[in-house]
PDB file of all heavy atoms in Angstrom:
ATOM      1  N   GLN A   1       7.674 -24.736  25.536  1.00  0.00           N
ATOM      2  CA  GLN A   1       8.090 -25.102  24.161  1.00  0.00           C
ATOM      3  C   GLN A   1       6.941 -25.075  23.200  1.00  0.00           C
ATOM      4  O   GLN A   1       7.080 -24.677  22.048  1.00  0.00           O
ATOM      5  CB  GLN A   1       8.765 -26.471  24.202  1.00  0.00           C
ATOM      6  CG  GLN A   1      10.131 -26.483  24.927  1.00  0.00           C
ATOM      7  CD  GLN A   1      10.747 -27.826  25.031  1.00  0.00           C
ATOM      8  OE1 GLN A   1      10.021 -28.870  24.885  1.00  0.00           O
ATOM      9  NE2 GLN A   1      12.056 -27.875  25.294  1.00  0.00           N
ATOM     10  N   LYS A   2       5.733 -25.530  23.610  1.00  0.00           N
ATOM     11  CA  LYS A   2       4.592 -25.540  22.771  1.00  0.00           C
ATOM     12  C   LYS A   2       4.142 -24.160  22.333  1.00  0.00           C
ATOM     13  O   LYS A   2       3.489 -23.954  21.282  1.00  0.00           O
ATOM     14  CB  LYS A   2       3.399 -26.260  23.458  1.00  0.00           C
ATOM     15  CG  LYS A   2       3.468 -27.778  23.389  1.00  0.00           C
ATOM     16  CD  LYS A   2       2.191 -28.420  23.805  1.00  0.00           C
ATOM     17  CE  LYS A   2       1.081 -28.226  22.771  1.00  0.00           C
ATOM     18  NZ  LYS A   2      -0.156 -28.925  23.052  1.00  0.00           N
ATOM     19  N   ASN A   3       4.528 -23.144  23.193  1.00  0.00           N
ATOM     20  CA  ASN A   3       4.186 -21.753  22.836  1.00  0.00           C
ATOM     21  C   ASN A   3       5.289 -21.015  22.150  1.00  0.00           C
ATOM     22  O   ASN A   3       5.273 -19.804  22.060  1.00  0.00           O
ATOM     23  CB  ASN A   3       3.815 -21.031  24.137  1.00  0.00           C
ATOM     24  CG  ASN A   3       2.369 -21.323  24.584  1.00  0.00           C
ATOM     25  OD1 ASN A   3       1.447 -20.671  24.165  1.00  0.00           O
ATOM     26  ND2 ASN A   3       2.216 -22.359  25.366  1.00  0.00           N
ATOM     27  N   GLY A   4       6.255 -21.784  21.654  1.00  0.00           N
ATOM     28  CA  GLY A   4       7.320 -21.221  20.787  1.00  0.00           C
ATOM     29  C   GLY A   4       8.460 -20.544  21.494  1.00  0.00           C
ATOM     30  O   GLY A   4       9.155 -19.723  20.894  1.00  0.00           O
ATOM     31  N   PHE A   5       8.682 -20.860  22.804  1.00  0.00           N
ATOM     32  CA  PHE A   5       9.784 -20.301  23.537  1.00  0.00           C
ATOM     33  C   PHE A   5      10.697 -21.418  24.077  1.00  0.00           C
ATOM     34  O   PHE A   5      10.322 -22.604  24.088  1.00  0.00           O
ATOM     35  CB  PHE A   5       9.263 -19.481  24.753  1.00  0.00           C
ATOM     36  CG  PHE A   5       8.424 -18.294  24.351  1.00  0.00           C
ATOM     37  CD1 PHE A   5       7.019 -18.369  24.418  1.00  0.00           C
ATOM     38  CD2 PHE A   5       9.010 -17.122  23.838  1.00  0.00           C
ATOM     39  CE1 PHE A   5       6.293 -17.243  24.065  1.00  0.00           C
ATOM     40  CE2 PHE A   5       8.233 -15.995  23.483  1.00  0.00           C
ATOM     41  CZ  PHE A   5       6.859 -16.087  23.563  1.00  0.00           C
ATOM     42  N   GLU A   6      11.905 -21.014  24.492  1.00  0.00           N
ATOM     43  CA  GLU A   6      12.848 -21.916  25.112  1.00  0.00           C
ATOM     44  C   GLU A   6      13.337 -21.357  26.430  1.00  0.00           C
ATOM     45  O   GLU A   6      13.403 -20.144  26.587  1.00  0.00           O
ATOM     46  CB  GLU A   6      14.064 -22.138  24.173  1.00  0.00           C
ATOM     47  CG  GLU A   6      13.699 -22.898  22.891  1.00  0.00           C
ATOM     48  CD  GLU A   6      13.356 -24.333  23.128  1.00  0.00           C
ATOM     49  OE1 GLU A   6      13.802 -24.900  24.164  1.00  0.00           O
ATOM     50  OE2 GLU A   6      12.634 -24.919  22.299  1.00  0.00           O
ATOM     51  N   LEU A   7      13.693 -22.242  27.368  1.00  0.00           N
ATOM     52  CA  LEU A   7      14.180 -21.795  28.651  1.00  0.00           C
ATOM     53  C   LEU A   7      15.699 -21.472  28.581  1.00  0.00           C
ATOM     54  O   LEU A   7      16.481 -22.134  27.883  1.00  0.00           O
ATOM     55  CB  LEU A   7      14.002 -22.895  29.690  1.00  0.00           C
ATOM     56  CG  LEU A   7      12.593 -23.028  30.255  1.00  0.00           C
ATOM     57  CD1 LEU A   7      12.467 -24.293  31.069  1.00  0.00           C
ATOM     58  CD2 LEU A   7      12.187 -21.820  31.065  1.00  0.00           C
ATOM     59  N   ASN A   8      16.095 -20.439  29.309  1.00  0.00           N
ATOM     60  CA  ASN A   8      17.498 -20.131  29.547  1.00  0.00           C
ATOM     61  C   ASN A   8      17.855 -20.843  30.877  1.00  0.00           C
ATOM     62  O   ASN A   8      17.662 -20.275  31.938  1.00  0.00           O
ATOM     63  CB  ASN A   8      17.695 -18.664  29.631  1.00  0.00           C
ATOM     64  CG  ASN A   8      19.166 -18.236  29.853  1.00  0.00           C
ATOM     65  OD1 ASN A   8      19.992 -19.130  30.107  1.00  0.00           O
ATOM     66  ND2 ASN A   8      19.436 -16.989  29.790  1.00  0.00           N
ATOM     67  N   HIS A   9      18.374 -22.080  30.753  1.00  0.00           N
ATOM     68  CA  HIS A   9      18.578 -22.866  31.996  1.00  0.00           C
ATOM     69  C   HIS A   9      19.562 -22.333  32.940  1.00  0.00           C
ATOM     70  O   HIS A   9      19.561 -22.620  34.143  1.00  0.00           O
ATOM     71  CB  HIS A   9      19.019 -24.280  31.530  1.00  0.00           C
ATOM     72  CG  HIS A   9      17.934 -25.016  30.761  1.00  0.00           C
ATOM     73  ND1 HIS A   9      16.825 -25.556  31.369  1.00  0.00           N
ATOM     74  CD2 HIS A   9      17.827 -25.297  29.449  1.00  0.00           C
ATOM     75  CE1 HIS A   9      16.029 -26.118  30.468  1.00  0.00           C
ATOM     76  NE2 HIS A   9      16.617 -26.006  29.293  1.00  0.00           N
ATOM     77  N   SER A  10      20.469 -21.457  32.450  1.00  0.00           N
ATOM     78  CA  SER A  10      21.487 -20.880  33.344  1.00  0.00           C
ATOM     79  C   SER A  10      20.856 -19.925  34.381  1.00  0.00           C
ATOM     80  O   SER A  10      21.511 -19.563  35.388  1.00  0.00           O
ATOM     81  CB  SER A  10      22.570 -20.108  32.533  1.00  0.00           C
ATOM     82  OG  SER A  10      21.959 -19.029  31.914  1.00  0.00           O
ATOM     83  N   LYS A  11      19.639 -19.476  34.162  1.00  0.00           N
ATOM     84  CA  LYS A  11      19.013 -18.521  35.054  1.00  0.00           C
ATOM     85  C   LYS A  11      17.869 -19.183  35.873  1.00  0.00           C
ATOM     86  O   LYS A  11      17.106 -18.493  36.569  1.00  0.00           O
ATOM     87  CB  LYS A  11      18.445 -17.318  34.290  1.00  0.00           C
ATOM     88  CG  LYS A  11      19.525 -16.466  33.662  1.00  0.00           C
ATOM     89  CD  LYS A  11      18.939 -15.182  33.081  1.00  0.00           C
ATOM     90  CE  LYS A  11      20.042 -14.282  32.558  1.00  0.00           C
ATOM     91  NZ  LYS A  11      19.498 -13.010  32.041  1.00  0.00           N
ATOM     92  N   THR A  12      17.767 -20.522  35.830  1.00  0.00           N
ATOM     93  CA  THR A  12      16.760 -21.187  36.657  1.00  0.00           C
ATOM     94  C   THR A  12      17.281 -21.244  38.088  1.00  0.00           C
ATOM     95  O   THR A  12      18.388 -21.653  38.372  1.00  0.00           O
ATOM     96  CB  THR A  12      16.559 -22.600  36.122  1.00  0.00           C
ATOM     97  OG1 THR A  12      16.090 -22.552  34.759  1.00  0.00           O
ATOM     98  CG2 THR A  12      15.560 -23.380  36.976  1.00  0.00           C
ATOM     99  N   ARG A  13      16.378 -20.856  39.063  1.00  0.00           N
ATOM    100  CA  ARG A  13      16.802 -20.886  40.472  1.00  0.00           C
ATOM    101  C   ARG A  13      15.606 -21.043  41.372  1.00  0.00           C
ATOM    102  O   ARG A  13      14.483 -20.543  41.089  1.00  0.00           O
ATOM    103  CB  ARG A  13      17.570 -19.615  40.837  1.00  0.00           C
ATOM    104  CG  ARG A  13      16.809 -18.358  40.657  1.00  0.00           C
ATOM    105  CD  ARG A  13      17.653 -17.119  40.769  1.00  0.00           C
ATOM    106  NE  ARG A  13      16.876 -15.926  40.519  1.00  0.00           N
ATOM    107  CZ  ARG A  13      16.737 -14.899  41.304  1.00  0.00           C
ATOM    108  NH1 ARG A  13      17.368 -14.913  42.490  1.00  0.00           N
ATOM    109  NH2 ARG A  13      16.019 -13.856  40.966  1.00  0.00           N
ATOM    110  N   MET A  14      15.778 -21.729  42.476  1.00  0.00           N
ATOM    111  CA  MET A  14      14.832 -21.884  43.539  1.00  0.00           C
ATOM    112  C   MET A  14      15.329 -21.096  44.726  1.00  0.00           C
ATOM    113  O   MET A  14      16.496 -21.191  45.146  1.00  0.00           O
ATOM    114  CB  MET A  14      14.632 -23.346  43.883  1.00  0.00           C
ATOM    115  CG  MET A  14      13.617 -23.578  45.028  1.00  0.00           C
ATOM    116  SD  MET A  14      11.952 -23.108  44.625  1.00  0.00           S
ATOM    117  CE  MET A  14      11.454 -24.559  43.638  1.00  0.00           C
ATOM    118  N   GLN A  15      14.390 -20.344  45.385  1.00  0.00           N
ATOM    119  CA  GLN A  15      14.777 -19.558  46.563  1.00  0.00           C
ATOM    120  C   GLN A  15      13.875 -19.929  47.737  1.00  0.00           C
ATOM    121  O   GLN A  15      12.623 -20.063  47.573  1.00  0.00           O
ATOM    122  CB  GLN A  15      14.613 -18.084  46.270  1.00  0.00           C
ATOM    123  CG  GLN A  15      15.429 -17.576  45.033  1.00  0.00           C
ATOM    124  CD  GLN A  15      15.162 -16.157  44.661  1.00  0.00           C
ATOM    125  OE1 GLN A  15      15.705 -15.228  45.174  1.00  0.00           O
ATOM    126  NE2 GLN A  15      14.179 -16.002  43.795  1.00  0.00           N
ATOM    127  N   TYR A  16      14.490 -20.089  48.891  1.00  0.00           N
ATOM    128  CA  TYR A  16      13.779 -20.565  50.072  1.00  0.00           C
ATOM    129  C   TYR A  16      13.572 -19.370  51.066  1.00  0.00           C
ATOM    130  O   TYR A  16      14.429 -18.434  51.094  1.00  0.00           O
ATOM    131  CB  TYR A  16      14.549 -21.670  50.776  1.00  0.00           C
ATOM    132  CG  TYR A  16      14.950 -22.762  49.855  1.00  0.00           C
ATOM    133  CD1 TYR A  16      16.236 -22.797  49.265  1.00  0.00           C
ATOM    134  CD2 TYR A  16      14.120 -23.818  49.534  1.00  0.00           C
ATOM    135  CE1 TYR A  16      16.661 -23.829  48.460  1.00  0.00           C
ATOM    136  CE2 TYR A  16      14.526 -24.844  48.711  1.00  0.00           C
ATOM    137  CZ  TYR A  16      15.792 -24.823  48.117  1.00  0.00           C
ATOM    138  OH  TYR A  16      16.163 -25.826  47.293  1.00  0.00           O
ATOM    139  N   ARG A  17      12.560 -19.501  51.844  1.00  0.00           N
ATOM    140  CA  ARG A  17      12.279 -18.407  52.818  1.00  0.00           C
ATOM    141  C   ARG A  17      13.377 -18.209  53.869  1.00  0.00           C
ATOM    142  O   ARG A  17      13.478 -17.150  54.444  1.00  0.00           O
ATOM    143  CB  ARG A  17      10.914 -18.630  53.503  1.00  0.00           C
ATOM    144  CG  ARG A  17      10.853 -19.825  54.447  1.00  0.00           C
ATOM    145  CD  ARG A  17       9.661 -19.728  55.391  1.00  0.00           C
ATOM    146  NE  ARG A  17       8.419 -19.380  54.725  1.00  0.00           N
ATOM    147  CZ  ARG A  17       7.236 -19.918  55.013  1.00  0.00           C
ATOM    148  NH1 ARG A  17       7.170 -20.822  56.023  1.00  0.00           N
ATOM    149  NH2 ARG A  17       6.147 -19.587  54.394  1.00  0.00           N
ATOM    150  N   THR A  18      14.199 -19.251  54.092  1.00  0.00           N
ATOM    151  CA  THR A  18      15.289 -19.173  55.073  1.00  0.00           C
ATOM    152  C   THR A  18      16.406 -18.295  54.539  1.00  0.00           C
ATOM    153  O   THR A  18      17.299 -17.938  55.313  1.00  0.00           O
ATOM    154  CB  THR A  18      15.803 -20.537  55.441  1.00  0.00           C
ATOM    155  OG1 THR A  18      16.083 -21.278  54.215  1.00  0.00           O
ATOM    156  CG2 THR A  18      14.720 -21.312  56.246  1.00  0.00           C
ATOM    157  N   ASN A  19      16.437 -18.078  53.241  1.00  0.00           N
ATOM    158  CA  ASN A  19      17.467 -17.170  52.657  1.00  0.00           C
ATOM    159  C   ASN A  19      16.737 -16.016  51.984  1.00  0.00           C
ATOM    160  O   ASN A  19      15.531 -15.927  51.962  1.00  0.00           O
ATOM    161  CB  ASN A  19      18.251 -17.944  51.639  1.00  0.00           C
ATOM    162  CG  ASN A  19      19.010 -19.105  52.228  1.00  0.00           C
ATOM    163  OD1 ASN A  19      19.657 -18.978  53.264  1.00  0.00           O
ATOM    164  ND2 ASN A  19      18.911 -20.302  51.591  1.00  0.00           N
ATOM    165  N   ARG A  20      17.530 -15.103  51.430  1.00  0.00           N
ATOM    166  CA  ARG A  20      16.942 -13.939  50.737  1.00  0.00           C
ATOM    167  C   ARG A  20      16.272 -14.445  49.467  1.00  0.00           C
ATOM    168  O   ARG A  20      16.834 -15.145  48.653  1.00  0.00           O
ATOM    169  CB  ARG A  20      17.918 -12.857  50.446  1.00  0.00           C
ATOM    170  CG  ARG A  20      17.307 -11.593  49.929  1.00  0.00           C
ATOM    171  CD  ARG A  20      18.262 -10.460  49.840  1.00  0.00           C
ATOM    172  NE  ARG A  20      19.114 -10.560  48.616  1.00  0.00           N
ATOM    173  CZ  ARG A  20      20.006  -9.648  48.266  1.00  0.00           C
ATOM    174  NH1 ARG A  20      20.174  -8.626  49.057  1.00  0.00           N
ATOM    175  NH2 ARG A  20      20.717  -9.863  47.185  1.00  0.00           N
ATOM    176  N   GLN A  21      15.020 -14.005  49.272  1.00  0.00           N
ATOM    177  CA  GLN A  21      14.272 -14.285  48.013  1.00  0.00           C
ATOM    178  C   GLN A  21      14.125 -12.986  47.251  1.00  0.00           C
ATOM    179  O   GLN A  21      13.692 -11.998  47.800  1.00  0.00           O
ATOM    180  CB  GLN A  21      12.899 -14.899  48.357  1.00  0.00           C
ATOM    181  CG  GLN A  21      12.967 -16.210  49.100  1.00  0.00           C
ATOM    182  CD  GLN A  21      11.594 -16.582  49.658  1.00  0.00           C
ATOM    183  OE1 GLN A  21      10.859 -15.781  50.251  1.00  0.00           O
ATOM    184  NE2 GLN A  21      11.228 -17.857  49.489  1.00  0.00           N
ATOM    185  N   SER A  22      14.390 -13.047  45.944  1.00  0.00           N
ATOM    186  CA  SER A  22      14.207 -11.821  45.148  1.00  0.00           C
ATOM    187  C   SER A  22      13.487 -12.126  43.839  1.00  0.00           C
ATOM    188  O   SER A  22      13.625 -13.225  43.284  1.00  0.00           O
ATOM    189  CB  SER A  22      15.573 -11.175  44.819  1.00  0.00           C
ATOM    190  OG  SER A  22      16.342 -12.050  44.032  1.00  0.00           O
ATOM    191  N   VAL A  23      12.671 -11.192  43.419  1.00  0.00           N
ATOM    192  CA  VAL A  23      11.930 -11.276  42.190  1.00  0.00           C
ATOM    193  C   VAL A  23      12.077  -9.979  41.427  1.00  0.00           C
ATOM    194  O   VAL A  23      11.864  -8.884  42.017  1.00  0.00           O
ATOM    195  CB  VAL A  23      10.432 -11.554  42.445  1.00  0.00           C
ATOM    196  CG1 VAL A  23       9.665 -11.575  41.147  1.00  0.00           C
ATOM    197  CG2 VAL A  23      10.205 -12.836  43.206  1.00  0.00           C
ATOM    198  N   THR A  24      12.481 -10.052  40.199  1.00  0.00           N
ATOM    199  CA  THR A  24      12.813  -8.865  39.384  1.00  0.00           C
ATOM    200  C   THR A  24      13.636  -7.816  40.143  1.00  0.00           C
ATOM    201  O   THR A  24      13.298  -6.645  40.149  1.00  0.00           O
ATOM    202  CB  THR A  24      11.539  -8.238  38.804  1.00  0.00           C
ATOM    203  OG1 THR A  24      10.505  -8.142  39.761  1.00  0.00           O
ATOM    204  CG2 THR A  24      11.057  -8.985  37.594  1.00  0.00           C
ATOM    205  N   GLY A  25      14.610  -8.300  40.873  1.00  0.00           N
ATOM    206  CA  GLY A  25      15.546  -7.442  41.574  1.00  0.00           C
ATOM    207  C   GLY A  25      15.123  -6.937  42.928  1.00  0.00           C
ATOM    208  O   GLY A  25      15.805  -6.149  43.545  1.00  0.00           O
ATOM    209  N   LEU A  26      13.944  -7.357  43.399  1.00  0.00           N
ATOM    210  CA  LEU A  26      13.397  -6.870  44.673  1.00  0.00           C
ATOM    211  C   LEU A  26      13.264  -8.022  45.709  1.00  0.00           C
ATOM    212  O   LEU A  26      12.934  -9.129  45.350  1.00  0.00           O
ATOM    213  CB  LEU A  26      12.015  -6.228  44.466  1.00  0.00           C
ATOM    214  CG  LEU A  26      11.978  -5.006  43.578  1.00  0.00           C
ATOM    215  CD1 LEU A  26      10.543  -4.575  43.324  1.00  0.00           C
ATOM    216  CD2 LEU A  26      12.762  -3.870  44.202  1.00  0.00           C
ATOM    217  N   VAL A  27      13.597  -7.719  46.955  1.00  0.00           N
ATOM    218  CA  VAL A  27      13.518  -8.722  48.040  1.00  0.00           C
ATOM    219  C   VAL A  27      12.043  -8.906  48.382  1.00  0.00           C
ATOM    220  O   VAL A  27      11.331  -7.877  48.608  1.00  0.00           O
ATOM    221  CB  VAL A  27      14.340  -8.275  49.248  1.00  0.00           C
ATOM    222  CG1 VAL A  27      14.213  -9.310  50.359  1.00  0.00           C
ATOM    223  CG2 VAL A  27      15.786  -8.087  48.829  1.00  0.00           C
ATOM    224  N   VAL A  28      11.603 -10.118  48.539  1.00  0.00           N
ATOM    225  CA  VAL A  28      10.152 -10.386  48.802  1.00  0.00           C
ATOM    226  C   VAL A  28       9.903 -11.265  50.035  1.00  0.00           C
ATOM    227  O   VAL A  28       8.788 -11.724  50.212  1.00  0.00           O
ATOM    228  CB  VAL A  28       9.491 -11.073  47.537  1.00  0.00           C
ATOM    229  CG1 VAL A  28       9.480 -10.095  46.377  1.00  0.00           C
ATOM    230  CG2 VAL A  28      10.182 -12.378  47.188  1.00  0.00           C
ATOM    231  N   ASN A  29      10.928 -11.452  50.885  1.00  0.00           N
ATOM    232  CA  ASN A  29      10.693 -12.338  52.037  1.00  0.00           C
ATOM    233  C   ASN A  29       9.566 -11.822  52.923  1.00  0.00           C
ATOM    234  O   ASN A  29       8.712 -12.605  53.378  1.00  0.00           O
ATOM    235  CB  ASN A  29      11.980 -12.389  52.895  1.00  0.00           C
ATOM    236  CG  ASN A  29      13.110 -13.096  52.151  1.00  0.00           C
ATOM    237  OD1 ASN A  29      13.663 -12.581  51.196  1.00  0.00           O
ATOM    238  ND2 ASN A  29      13.461 -14.283  52.659  1.00  0.00           N
ATOM    239  N   GLN A  30       9.582 -10.493  53.176  1.00  0.00           N
ATOM    240  CA  GLN A  30       8.465  -9.917  54.005  1.00  0.00           C
ATOM    241  C   GLN A  30       7.814  -8.755  53.222  1.00  0.00           C
ATOM    242  O   GLN A  30       6.814  -8.960  52.567  1.00  0.00           O
ATOM    243  CB  GLN A  30       9.046  -9.408  55.351  1.00  0.00           C
ATOM    244  CG  GLN A  30       9.544 -10.572  56.259  1.00  0.00           C
ATOM    245  CD  GLN A  30       8.472 -11.533  56.619  1.00  0.00           C
ATOM    246  OE1 GLN A  30       7.314 -11.142  56.891  1.00  0.00           O
ATOM    247  NE2 GLN A  30       8.823 -12.816  56.722  1.00  0.00           N
ATOM    248  N   VAL A  31       8.404  -7.603  53.335  1.00  0.00           N
ATOM    249  CA  VAL A  31       7.913  -6.413  52.566  1.00  0.00           C
ATOM    250  C   VAL A  31       8.726  -6.388  51.263  1.00  0.00           C
ATOM    251  O   VAL A  31       9.933  -6.535  51.256  1.00  0.00           O
ATOM    252  CB  VAL A  31       8.065  -5.117  53.382  1.00  0.00           C
ATOM    253  CG1 VAL A  31       7.681  -3.891  52.541  1.00  0.00           C
ATOM    254  CG2 VAL A  31       7.306  -5.217  54.631  1.00  0.00           C
ATOM    255  N   THR A  32       8.041  -6.106  50.145  1.00  0.00           N
ATOM    256  CA  THR A  32       8.745  -5.903  48.891  1.00  0.00           C
ATOM    257  C   THR A  32       9.676  -4.725  49.005  1.00  0.00           C
ATOM    258  O   THR A  32       9.226  -3.570  49.246  1.00  0.00           O
ATOM    259  CB  THR A  32       7.751  -5.675  47.731  1.00  0.00           C
ATOM    260  OG1 THR A  32       6.889  -6.866  47.654  1.00  0.00           O
ATOM    261  CG2 THR A  32       8.473  -5.545  46.399  1.00  0.00           C
ATOM    262  N   ASN A  33      10.975  -4.952  48.810  1.00  0.00           N
ATOM    263  CA  ASN A  33      11.951  -3.879  49.084  1.00  0.00           C
ATOM    264  C   ASN A  33      13.150  -4.022  48.211  1.00  0.00           C
ATOM    265  O   ASN A  33      13.430  -5.063  47.617  1.00  0.00           O
ATOM    266  CB  ASN A  33      12.343  -3.907  50.543  1.00  0.00           C
ATOM    267  CG  ASN A  33      12.727  -2.522  51.082  1.00  0.00           C
ATOM    268  OD1 ASN A  33      12.902  -1.591  50.312  1.00  0.00           O
ATOM    269  ND2 ASN A  33      12.854  -2.442  52.405  1.00  0.00           N
ATOM    270  N   THR A  34      13.937  -2.924  48.099  1.00  0.00           N
ATOM    271  CA  THR A  34      15.211  -2.960  47.397  1.00  0.00           C
ATOM    272  C   THR A  34      16.221  -3.640  48.243  1.00  0.00           C
ATOM    273  O   THR A  34      16.229  -3.537  49.490  1.00  0.00           O
ATOM    274  CB  THR A  34      15.673  -1.588  47.043  1.00  0.00           C
ATOM    275  OG1 THR A  34      15.578  -0.718  48.201  1.00  0.00           O
ATOM    276  CG2 THR A  34      14.863  -0.940  45.918  1.00  0.00           C
ATOM    277  N   PRO A  35      17.216  -4.316  47.635  1.00  0.00           N
ATOM    278  CA  PRO A  35      18.236  -5.032  48.413  1.00  0.00           C
ATOM    279  C   PRO A  35      19.071  -4.050  49.230  1.00  0.00           C
ATOM    280  O   PRO A  35      19.286  -2.930  48.816  1.00  0.00           O
ATOM    281  CB  PRO A  35      19.121  -5.721  47.346  1.00  0.00           C
ATOM    282  CG  PRO A  35      18.210  -5.848  46.194  1.00  0.00           C
ATOM    283  CD  PRO A  35      17.312  -4.651  46.190  1.00  0.00           C
ATOM    284  N   ALA A  36      19.569  -4.503  50.371  1.00  0.00           N
ATOM    285  CA  ALA A  36      20.296  -3.629  51.295  1.00  0.00           C
ATOM    286  C   ALA A  36      21.588  -3.113  50.640  1.00  0.00           C
ATOM    287  O   ALA A  36      21.992  -1.971  50.850  1.00  0.00           O
ATOM    288  CB  ALA A  36      20.663  -4.364  52.565  1.00  0.00           C
ATOM    289  N   GLU A  37      22.213  -4.006  49.797  1.00  0.00           N
ATOM    290  CA  GLU A  37      23.469  -3.532  49.165  1.00  0.00           C
ATOM    291  C   GLU A  37      23.245  -2.408  48.159  1.00  0.00           C
ATOM    292  O   GLU A  37      24.124  -1.563  47.921  1.00  0.00           O
ATOM    293  CB  GLU A  37      24.201  -4.692  48.477  1.00  0.00           C
ATOM    294  CG  GLU A  37      23.405  -5.359  47.391  1.00  0.00           C
ATOM    295  CD  GLU A  37      22.633  -6.595  47.857  1.00  0.00           C
ATOM    296  OE1 GLU A  37      22.216  -6.641  49.059  1.00  0.00           O
ATOM    297  OE2 GLU A  37      22.363  -7.502  47.020  1.00  0.00           O
ATOM    298  N   VAL A  38      22.041  -2.341  47.563  1.00  0.00           N
ATOM    299  CA  VAL A  38      21.728  -1.250  46.659  1.00  0.00           C
ATOM    300  C   VAL A  38      21.647   0.081  47.378  1.00  0.00           C
ATOM    301  O   VAL A  38      22.218   1.100  47.009  1.00  0.00           O
ATOM    302  CB  VAL A  38      20.361  -1.495  45.934  1.00  0.00           C
ATOM    303  CG1 VAL A  38      19.893  -0.248  45.178  1.00  0.00           C
ATOM    304  CG2 VAL A  38      20.483  -2.685  44.976  1.00  0.00           C
ATOM    305  N   ARG A  39      21.044   0.025  48.620  1.00  0.00           N
ATOM    306  CA  ARG A  39      20.951   1.236  49.429  1.00  0.00           C
ATOM    307  C   ARG A  39      22.335   1.639  49.938  1.00  0.00           C
ATOM    308  O   ARG A  39      22.688   2.826  49.951  1.00  0.00           O
ATOM    309  CB  ARG A  39      20.014   0.956  50.615  1.00  0.00           C
ATOM    310  CG  ARG A  39      18.568   0.785  50.171  1.00  0.00           C
ATOM    311  CD  ARG A  39      17.680   0.244  51.255  1.00  0.00           C
ATOM    312  NE  ARG A  39      16.295   0.104  50.765  1.00  0.00           N
ATOM    313  CZ  ARG A  39      15.374   1.055  50.921  1.00  0.00           C
ATOM    314  NH1 ARG A  39      15.638   2.166  51.608  1.00  0.00           N
ATOM    315  NH2 ARG A  39      14.167   0.938  50.464  1.00  0.00           N
ATOM    316  N   ARG A  40      23.140   0.680  50.366  1.00  0.00           N
ATOM    317  CA  ARG A  40      24.482   0.992  50.828  1.00  0.00           C
ATOM    318  C   ARG A  40      25.325   1.630  49.710  1.00  0.00           C
ATOM    319  O   ARG A  40      26.070   2.564  49.889  1.00  0.00           O
ATOM    320  CB  ARG A  40      25.173  -0.237  51.360  1.00  0.00           C
ATOM    321  CG  ARG A  40      24.650  -0.701  52.734  1.00  0.00           C
ATOM    322  CD  ARG A  40      25.629  -1.692  53.372  1.00  0.00           C
ATOM    323  NE  ARG A  40      25.769  -2.888  52.584  1.00  0.00           N
ATOM    324  CZ  ARG A  40      25.019  -4.004  52.672  1.00  0.00           C
ATOM    325  NH1 ARG A  40      24.086  -4.055  53.586  1.00  0.00           N
ATOM    326  NH2 ARG A  40      25.257  -5.072  51.924  1.00  0.00           N
ATOM    327  N   THR A  41      25.192   1.034  48.478  1.00  0.00           N
ATOM    328  CA  THR A  41      25.965   1.537  47.380  1.00  0.00           C
ATOM    329  C   THR A  41      25.553   2.985  47.049  1.00  0.00           C
ATOM    330  O   THR A  41      26.412   3.831  46.838  1.00  0.00           O
ATOM    331  CB  THR A  41      25.731   0.654  46.175  1.00  0.00           C
ATOM    332  OG1 THR A  41      26.217  -0.660  46.469  1.00  0.00           O
ATOM    333  CG2 THR A  41      26.457   1.167  44.923  1.00  0.00           C
ATOM    334  N   ALA A  42      24.275   3.260  47.052  1.00  0.00           N
ATOM    335  CA  ALA A  42      23.799   4.649  46.715  1.00  0.00           C
ATOM    336  C   ALA A  42      24.311   5.596  47.757  1.00  0.00           C
ATOM    337  O   ALA A  42      24.748   6.698  47.387  1.00  0.00           O
ATOM    338  CB  ALA A  42      22.272   4.613  46.683  1.00  0.00           C
ATOM    339  N   ARG A  43      24.296   5.201  48.995  1.00  0.00           N
ATOM    340  CA  ARG A  43      24.775   6.099  50.051  1.00  0.00           C
ATOM    341  C   ARG A  43      26.233   6.386  49.896  1.00  0.00           C
ATOM    342  O   ARG A  43      26.694   7.570  49.998  1.00  0.00           O
ATOM    343  CB  ARG A  43      24.495   5.450  51.430  1.00  0.00           C
ATOM    344  CG  ARG A  43      24.681   6.312  52.644  1.00  0.00           C
ATOM    345  CD  ARG A  43      24.493   5.515  53.915  1.00  0.00           C
ATOM    346  NE  ARG A  43      23.185   4.961  54.021  1.00  0.00           N
ATOM    347  CZ  ARG A  43      22.176   5.572  54.635  1.00  0.00           C
ATOM    348  NH1 ARG A  43      22.382   6.756  55.191  1.00  0.00           N
ATOM    349  NH2 ARG A  43      20.998   5.058  54.719  1.00  0.00           N
ATOM    350  N   ALA A  44      27.027   5.363  49.644  1.00  0.00           N
ATOM    351  CA  ALA A  44      28.468   5.533  49.520  1.00  0.00           C
ATOM    352  C   ALA A  44      28.860   6.346  48.267  1.00  0.00           C
ATOM    353  O   ALA A  44      29.720   7.192  48.309  1.00  0.00           O
ATOM    354  CB  ALA A  44      29.167   4.145  49.460  1.00  0.00           C
ATOM    355  N   MET A  45      28.148   6.100  47.174  1.00  0.00           N
ATOM    356  CA  MET A  45      28.446   6.825  45.937  1.00  0.00           C
ATOM    357  C   MET A  45      28.115   8.300  46.118  1.00  0.00           C
ATOM    358  O   MET A  45      28.865   9.199  45.635  1.00  0.00           O
ATOM    359  CB  MET A  45      27.614   6.234  44.791  1.00  0.00           C
ATOM    360  CG  MET A  45      28.118   4.885  44.298  1.00  0.00           C
ATOM    361  SD  MET A  45      26.977   4.044  43.180  1.00  0.00           S
ATOM    362  CE  MET A  45      27.110   5.080  41.750  1.00  0.00           C
ATOM    363  N   ALA A  46      26.993   8.617  46.787  1.00  0.00           N
ATOM    364  CA  ALA A  46      26.604  10.031  47.000  1.00  0.00           C
ATOM    365  C   ALA A  46      27.632  10.705  47.920  1.00  0.00           C
ATOM    366  O   ALA A  46      28.052  11.878  47.625  1.00  0.00           O
ATOM    367  CB  ALA A  46      25.239  10.065  47.630  1.00  0.00           C
ATOM    368  N   HIS A  47      28.054  10.037  48.993  1.00  0.00           N
ATOM    369  CA  HIS A  47      29.015  10.641  49.893  1.00  0.00           C
ATOM    370  C   HIS A  47      30.342  10.978  49.124  1.00  0.00           C
ATOM    371  O   HIS A  47      30.885  12.063  49.294  1.00  0.00           O
ATOM    372  CB  HIS A  47      29.348   9.665  51.021  1.00  0.00           C
ATOM    373  CG  HIS A  47      30.353  10.169  51.989  1.00  0.00           C
ATOM    374  ND1 HIS A  47      30.064  11.129  52.950  1.00  0.00           N
ATOM    375  CD2 HIS A  47      31.670   9.842  52.123  1.00  0.00           C
ATOM    376  CE1 HIS A  47      31.174  11.366  53.655  1.00  0.00           C
ATOM    377  NE2 HIS A  47      32.168  10.602  53.173  1.00  0.00           N
TER     378      HIS A  47
END
């Protein structure tokens, strides 16, 4: 707030290592990677 911005509270979230963690759309639990559903979708659409 002191720097002239406001939070969008609807997008605030905490992610734990026991579940899938993502940052800017990428999974970061172990290796930075695209989500499995993105790969499945691309495969199905191409077929």
